[in-house]
Amino acid sequence: MIQTNTRESTGGIFVHNRLTALIAVAFCVSFLMPAKSAATSIIYSNLGTSPVFDPANSNLIGNDFAGDNLAEADTFEPSVTAQFGSLQLALSCFSACPDNFTVSLNADILGVPGTDIESFIVPEASLTSTPTLLVFNSVLHPTLDAGTFYWVSISSDLNDTIAWSDNTTFDPSTQAVSFDGGSTWNELGNTPSAYEVDSTVTTAAPEPGTIALLAGGLIFVMGRRRISARQ
């Protein structure tokens, strides 16, 4: 009888110590394990490595001082399938820019911009007279397929005259222009504007809640084994 009590007591201490250690490990891992890691890769860019663009030459959007409401678009083709993460565009205010304007990622339809995949409404206060790289972060993160053509377009109204700076990397991509604010498009042979399309790839690690749930399950199983051993 004494031996039995001693065995049960020793087993209880052993199991208790194992449970305590498991809880401690689960607690530490749940707080030390990162939830996510993200990496950014370039889907397409004509900005070069610096990045660089031409601040003296540009394509106009909005009022071209000839009665047209110009919209501009450039095409690109991803070399790999990736999720859309962000855009960088070299923009400035050429003349008056009192209104918001629209930046869009478009599908290709018969060689010109088609339906919007994702659009960004940009406050006019974002622009200055100095060409600057503006970044537009995706909310929808649509998948862009390798070997498929897409467009980056900008449209405004007759109140604005926005400048989209030319690239300086000899980008041979097709450009399109609209004289009615983006309602209809035509291919154009102008120098493509300066921009970059990026992909943000997020890799998920086990969340702290998942680790805690797993630890709880292990503790429950070990507790059941302890009861079975006593019986």
Protein backbone atom coordinates (compact mmCIF):
# COMPACT_ATOMS: atom_id res chain seq x y z
CA MET A 1 0.00 0.00 0.00
CA ILE A 2 2.84 2.33 0.85
CA GLN A 3 4.58 1.46 -2.40
CA THR A 4 1.41 2.14 -4.36
CA ASN A 5 0.98 5.58 -2.76
CA THR A 6 4.62 6.36 -3.44
CA ARG A 7 4.25 5.33 -7.11
CA GLU A 8 1.08 7.40 -7.52
CA SER A 9 2.68 10.39 -5.83
CA THR A 10 5.80 10.15 -7.95
CA GLY A 11 3.73 9.74 -11.13
CA GLY A 12 1.59 12.70 -10.17
CA ILE A 13 4.65 14.89 -9.65
CA PHE A 14 6.09 13.69 -12.98
CA VAL A 15 2.90 14.41 -14.89
CA HIS A 16 2.47 17.73 -13.12
CA ASN A 17 6.00 18.77 -14.07
CA ARG A 18 5.42 17.79 -17.70
CA LEU A 19 2.19 19.79 -17.80
CA THR A 20 3.90 22.83 -16.28
CA ALA A 21 6.73 22.63 -18.81
CA LEU A 22 4.30 22.27 -21.70
CA ILE A 23 2.29 25.31 -20.59
CA ALA A 24 5.48 27.36 -20.28
CA VAL A 25 6.70 26.34 -23.73
CA ALA A 26 3.30 27.08 -25.30
CA PHE A 27 3.23 30.50 -23.62
CA CYS A 28 6.70 31.43 -24.86
CA VAL A 29 6.15 30.18 -28.40
CA SER A 30 2.81 31.97 -28.71
CA PHE A 31 4.46 35.32 -28.02
CA LEU A 32 7.73 34.78 -29.86
CA MET A 33 6.34 33.30 -33.08
CA PRO A 34 5.75 36.00 -35.73
CA ALA A 35 2.23 35.99 -37.14
CA LYS A 36 3.19 37.02 -40.68
CA SER A 37 6.16 37.91 -42.83
CA ALA A 38 5.93 39.97 -46.00
CA ALA A 39 8.23 40.45 -48.99
CA THR A 40 7.86 42.90 -51.86
CA SER A 41 8.86 42.04 -55.41
CA ILE A 42 8.62 44.04 -58.65
CA ILE A 43 6.06 42.86 -61.18
CA TYR A 44 6.98 45.57 -63.69
CA SER A 45 9.02 48.77 -63.59
CA ASN A 46 10.48 51.36 -65.95
CA LEU A 47 11.94 53.41 -63.09
CA GLY A 48 15.34 51.75 -63.21
CA THR A 49 17.29 50.94 -60.04
CA SER A 50 17.60 54.49 -58.63
CA PRO A 51 14.57 55.04 -59.28
CA VAL A 52 14.71 57.62 -62.08
CA PHE A 53 12.24 59.46 -64.34
CA ASP A 54 12.22 62.53 -66.58
CA PRO A 55 11.05 65.59 -64.57
CA ALA A 56 11.12 67.86 -67.63
CA ASN A 57 8.89 65.86 -69.99
CA SER A 58 5.51 64.30 -69.32
CA ASN A 59 2.11 63.23 -70.64
CA LEU A 60 -0.82 65.43 -69.61
CA ILE A 61 -4.02 64.23 -67.94
CA GLY A 62 -7.21 66.32 -67.79
CA ASN A 63 -7.33 69.68 -69.56
CA ASP A 64 -4.89 69.77 -72.52
CA PHE A 65 -5.83 73.41 -73.33
CA ALA A 66 -7.41 72.24 -76.61
CA GLY A 67 -10.84 71.30 -75.30
CA ASP A 68 -9.95 67.65 -74.62
CA ASN A 69 -10.28 65.75 -71.34
CA LEU A 70 -7.22 63.55 -71.65
CA ALA A 71 -6.74 60.23 -69.87
CA GLU A 72 -3.44 58.34 -70.23
CA ALA A 73 -2.61 54.64 -69.87
CA ASP A 74 0.48 52.40 -70.14
CA THR A 75 0.53 48.63 -70.55
CA PHE A 76 2.64 45.95 -68.87
CA GLU A 77 2.91 42.17 -68.88
CA PRO A 78 3.87 40.28 -65.69
CA SER A 79 6.59 37.67 -66.17
CA VAL A 80 5.26 35.65 -63.21
CA THR A 81 1.81 35.24 -61.67
CA ALA A 82 1.61 37.37 -58.52
CA GLN A 83 -0.75 39.30 -56.28
CA PHE A 84 -0.99 43.03 -56.94
CA GLY A 85 0.49 44.96 -54.02
CA SER A 86 1.06 48.60 -54.99
CA LEU A 87 1.72 51.18 -57.69
CA GLN A 88 4.34 53.91 -57.87
CA LEU A 89 3.70 56.78 -60.30
CA ALA A 90 5.76 59.91 -61.05
CA LEU A 91 3.15 62.70 -60.91
CA SER A 92 2.89 66.46 -60.53
CA CYS A 93 0.42 69.30 -61.03
CA PHE A 94 1.15 71.01 -64.37
CA SER A 95 -1.42 73.75 -63.94
CA ALA A 96 -4.52 74.08 -61.76
CA CYS A 97 -5.40 70.83 -59.95
CA PRO A 98 -8.42 71.57 -57.74
CA ASP A 99 -10.20 68.21 -58.01
CA ASN A 100 -9.60 64.59 -57.08
CA PHE A 101 -8.44 62.28 -59.85
CA THR A 102 -8.47 58.51 -60.46
CA VAL A 103 -5.63 56.01 -60.82
CA SER A 104 -6.69 52.56 -62.04
CA LEU A 105 -5.36 49.11 -62.74
CA ASN A 106 -7.23 47.90 -65.83
CA ALA A 107 -7.74 44.68 -67.72
CA ASP A 108 -6.81 44.65 -71.42
CA ILE A 109 -9.60 44.53 -74.01
CA LEU A 110 -8.47 44.33 -77.66
CA GLY A 111 -5.27 46.25 -77.00
CA VAL A 112 -6.66 49.12 -74.94
CA PRO A 113 -7.66 49.61 -71.28
CA GLY A 114 -10.84 47.77 -70.29
CA THR A 115 -12.64 47.20 -67.01
CA ASP A 116 -11.17 48.46 -63.74
CA ILE A 117 -9.52 45.76 -61.63
CA GLU A 118 -8.83 48.23 -58.81
CA SER A 119 -9.10 52.02 -58.62
CA PHE A 120 -7.72 54.70 -56.31
CA ILE A 121 -9.38 58.09 -55.77
CA VAL A 122 -6.50 60.51 -55.22
CA PRO A 123 -6.94 63.86 -53.39
CA GLU A 124 -5.74 66.84 -55.39
CA ALA A 125 -3.64 67.87 -52.37
CA SER A 126 -1.37 64.89 -53.11
CA LEU A 127 0.18 66.77 -56.05
CA THR A 128 2.76 69.53 -56.08
CA SER A 129 4.45 71.35 -58.95
CA THR A 130 7.50 69.08 -58.48
CA PRO A 131 7.26 65.56 -59.96
CA THR A 132 7.15 63.05 -57.13
CA LEU A 133 6.76 59.30 -56.86
CA LEU A 134 3.36 58.62 -55.26
CA VAL A 135 2.59 55.16 -53.86
CA PHE A 136 -0.86 53.54 -54.05
CA ASN A 137 -1.32 50.43 -51.90
CA SER A 138 -3.77 47.76 -53.01
CA VAL A 139 -6.71 46.80 -50.81
CA LEU A 140 -8.13 44.06 -53.03
CA HIS A 141 -4.81 42.31 -53.92
CA PRO A 142 -6.07 40.77 -57.18
CA THR A 143 -3.97 38.12 -58.88
CA LEU A 144 -2.11 39.25 -62.01
CA ASP A 145 -1.41 36.38 -64.41
CA ALA A 146 1.90 35.89 -66.18
CA GLY A 147 1.74 36.52 -69.92
CA THR A 148 -1.42 38.66 -69.64
CA PHE A 149 -1.46 42.36 -70.52
CA TYR A 150 -2.74 44.92 -68.02
CA TRP A 151 -2.92 48.71 -67.99
CA VAL A 152 -2.19 51.47 -65.50
CA SER A 153 -4.38 54.50 -66.29
CA ILE A 154 -5.02 58.00 -64.93
CA SER A 155 -8.11 60.08 -65.56
CA SER A 156 -9.34 63.45 -64.29
CA ASP A 157 -11.59 66.29 -65.50
CA LEU A 158 -11.25 69.57 -67.35
CA ASN A 159 -10.52 71.46 -64.13
CA ASP A 160 -7.17 69.70 -63.72
CA THR A 161 -3.97 69.52 -65.75
CA ILE A 162 -1.87 66.73 -64.27
CA ALA A 163 1.58 65.72 -65.55
CA TRP A 164 2.68 62.05 -65.57
CA SER A 165 6.47 62.15 -66.06
CA ASP A 166 8.12 60.20 -68.89
CA ASN A 167 10.36 57.24 -68.14
CA THR A 168 14.08 57.34 -69.02
CA THR A 169 14.72 53.60 -69.41
CA PHE A 170 13.61 53.31 -73.05
CA ASP A 171 10.45 51.41 -72.13
CA PRO A 172 8.96 50.06 -75.40
CA SER A 173 5.52 49.36 -73.91
CA THR A 174 2.33 50.45 -75.65
CA GLN A 175 0.62 53.64 -74.49
CA ALA A 176 -3.03 54.58 -74.92
CA VAL A 177 -4.84 57.92 -74.78
CA SER A 178 -8.46 58.91 -74.29
CA PHE A 179 -9.84 62.30 -75.31
CA ASP A 180 -13.06 61.89 -73.32
CA GLY A 181 -11.80 61.14 -69.82
CA GLY A 182 -11.42 57.37 -70.27
CA SER A 183 -14.72 56.50 -71.94
CA THR A 184 -13.02 55.45 -75.21
CA TRP A 185 -9.35 54.65 -75.83
CA ASN A 186 -6.88 54.66 -78.73
CA GLU A 187 -3.34 53.33 -78.95
CA LEU A 188 -0.68 56.01 -79.06
CA GLY A 189 3.05 56.01 -79.79
CA ASN A 190 4.13 58.46 -77.11
CA THR A 191 6.89 57.72 -74.61
CA PRO A 192 5.39 55.65 -71.78
CA SER A 193 5.14 57.38 -68.42
CA ALA A 194 7.23 56.43 -65.36
CA TYR A 195 5.73 53.83 -63.03
CA GLU A 196 6.25 50.59 -61.13
CA VAL A 197 3.89 47.73 -60.26
CA ASP A 198 4.79 45.76 -57.13
CA SER A 199 3.60 42.56 -55.53
CA THR A 200 3.45 42.10 -51.77
CA VAL A 201 3.66 38.40 -50.87
CA THR A 202 2.57 37.60 -47.31
CA THR A 203 3.63 34.31 -45.71
CA ALA A 204 1.49 33.30 -42.72
CA ALA A 205 3.00 31.56 -39.67
CA PRO A 206 0.89 29.85 -36.97
CA GLU A 207 -1.06 32.47 -35.05
CA PRO A 208 -0.62 32.61 -31.24
CA GLY A 209 -4.24 31.51 -30.82
CA THR A 210 -3.61 28.42 -32.93
CA ILE A 211 -0.55 27.49 -30.88
CA ALA A 212 -2.42 28.00 -27.61
CA LEU A 213 -5.28 25.81 -28.86
CA LEU A 214 -2.84 23.07 -29.79
CA ALA A 215 -1.16 23.28 -26.39
CA GLY A 216 -4.54 23.11 -24.70
CA GLY A 217 -5.38 19.95 -26.62
CA LEU A 218 -2.12 18.32 -25.62
CA ILE A 219 -2.70 19.22 -21.98
CA PHE A 220 -6.19 17.69 -22.12
CA VAL A 221 -4.85 14.46 -23.64
CA MET A 222 -2.11 14.18 -21.03
CA GLY A 223 -4.63 14.81 -18.27
CA ARG A 224 -6.81 11.98 -19.58
CA ARG A 225 -3.81 9.68 -19.64
CA ARG A 226 -3.07 10.56 -16.03
CA ILE A 227 -6.63 9.64 -14.98
CA SER A 228 -6.47 6.40 -16.93
CA ALA A 229 -3.15 5.51 -15.26
CA ARG A 230 -4.66 5.97 -11.80
CA GLN A 231 -7.61 3.77 -12.69
